[in-house]
Protein backbone atom coordinates (compact mmCIF):
# COMPACT_ATOMS: atom_id res chain seq x y z
CA MET A 1 9.11 24.81 23.60
CA THR A 2 8.82 21.28 22.35
CA PRO A 3 8.48 20.33 18.68
CA ALA A 4 4.96 19.06 19.42
CA GLY A 5 4.05 22.40 21.02
CA LEU A 6 5.27 24.30 17.99
CA ARG A 7 3.27 22.03 15.67
CA THR A 8 0.18 22.66 17.80
CA ILE A 9 0.63 26.43 17.52
CA PHE A 10 1.10 26.19 13.76
CA ARG A 11 -1.94 23.93 13.38
CA TYR A 12 -4.08 26.36 15.38
CA HIS A 13 -3.03 29.36 13.30
CA ARG A 14 -3.35 27.48 10.00
CA LEU A 15 -6.93 26.54 10.84
CA LYS A 16 -7.76 30.03 12.11
CA SER A 17 -6.29 31.78 9.05
CA GLY A 18 -7.38 29.25 6.44
CA VAL A 19 -3.81 29.03 5.16
CA LEU A 20 -3.06 25.32 5.25
CA ALA A 21 0.45 25.37 3.80
CA GLY A 22 2.55 26.64 6.74
CA HIS A 23 4.65 24.11 8.66
CA PRO A 24 7.39 24.60 11.29
CA HIS A 25 10.00 22.79 9.23
CA ALA A 26 9.53 25.32 6.43
CA LEU A 27 10.84 27.96 8.86
CA ARG A 28 14.15 26.10 9.07
CA HIS A 29 14.50 26.22 5.29
CA THR A 30 13.52 29.90 5.21
CA PHE A 31 16.05 30.64 7.98
CA GLY A 32 18.80 28.73 6.16
CA THR A 33 18.08 30.50 2.89
CA ALA A 34 17.99 33.93 4.54
CA MET A 35 21.34 33.26 6.23
CA ALA A 36 22.88 32.10 2.95
CA GLU A 37 21.61 35.18 1.13
CA ALA A 38 23.10 37.33 3.90
CA GLY A 39 26.49 35.70 3.31
CA VAL A 40 26.68 33.65 6.52
CA ASP A 41 29.40 31.00 6.37
CA LEU A 42 28.11 27.45 5.83
CA ALA A 43 29.89 26.19 8.97
CA VAL A 44 28.17 28.87 11.06
CA MET A 45 24.82 27.92 9.53
CA GLN A 46 25.55 24.28 10.36
CA ALA A 47 26.08 25.18 14.01
CA LEU A 48 22.96 27.39 14.17
CA LEU A 49 20.76 24.72 12.58
CA GLY A 50 22.28 21.99 14.77
CA HIS A 51 23.34 19.68 11.95
CA ALA A 52 26.05 17.06 12.41
CA HIS A 53 27.09 17.19 8.74
CA VAL A 54 27.52 20.18 6.45
CA ASP A 55 25.83 18.24 3.63
CA THR A 56 22.58 18.34 5.60
CA THR A 57 22.90 22.11 6.01
CA ALA A 58 23.50 22.57 2.29
CA ARG A 59 20.07 21.03 1.60
CA TYR A 60 18.43 23.87 3.50
CA ILE A 61 19.71 26.52 1.14
CA HIS A 62 17.31 27.48 -1.63
CA LEU A 63 18.86 30.38 -3.50
CA THR A 64 17.03 32.09 -6.34
CA PRO A 65 18.77 32.16 -9.72
CA THR A 66 18.81 35.97 -9.48
CA HIS A 67 20.73 35.80 -6.19
CA VAL A 68 23.20 33.25 -7.59
CA LYS A 69 23.82 35.43 -10.66
CA ALA A 70 24.31 38.55 -8.52
CA GLU A 71 26.85 36.76 -6.32
CA PHE A 72 28.67 35.39 -9.36
CA ASP A 73 28.79 38.83 -10.97
CA ALA A 74 30.07 40.39 -7.74
CA ALA A 75 32.81 37.76 -7.42
CA ARG A 76 33.78 38.25 -11.05
CA THR A 77 33.99 42.02 -10.54
CA ARG A 78 36.20 41.54 -7.46
CA LEU A 79 38.45 39.21 -9.45
CA HIS A 80 38.82 41.70 -12.31
CA THR A 81 39.57 44.64 -10.01
CA ARG A 82 42.56 42.81 -8.51
CA THR A 83 44.43 42.63 -11.80
């Protein structure tokens, strides 16, 4: 499927549903965020998204503060259980 074909499908369904805010590129961000929340390595995400630079991939990750806090707390717990 071409990018233009995907845009056409999205446009059709946006008009049919009345929801005008959905765009194909938003799926890439949603995919990147879901992978990050699942713990997928950034280099793997870079390959899956087809980015040449990891900095570009990092822009696709939109983690909620709750998720960041949970990951921090989990890492802190792992650190304290080692000692």
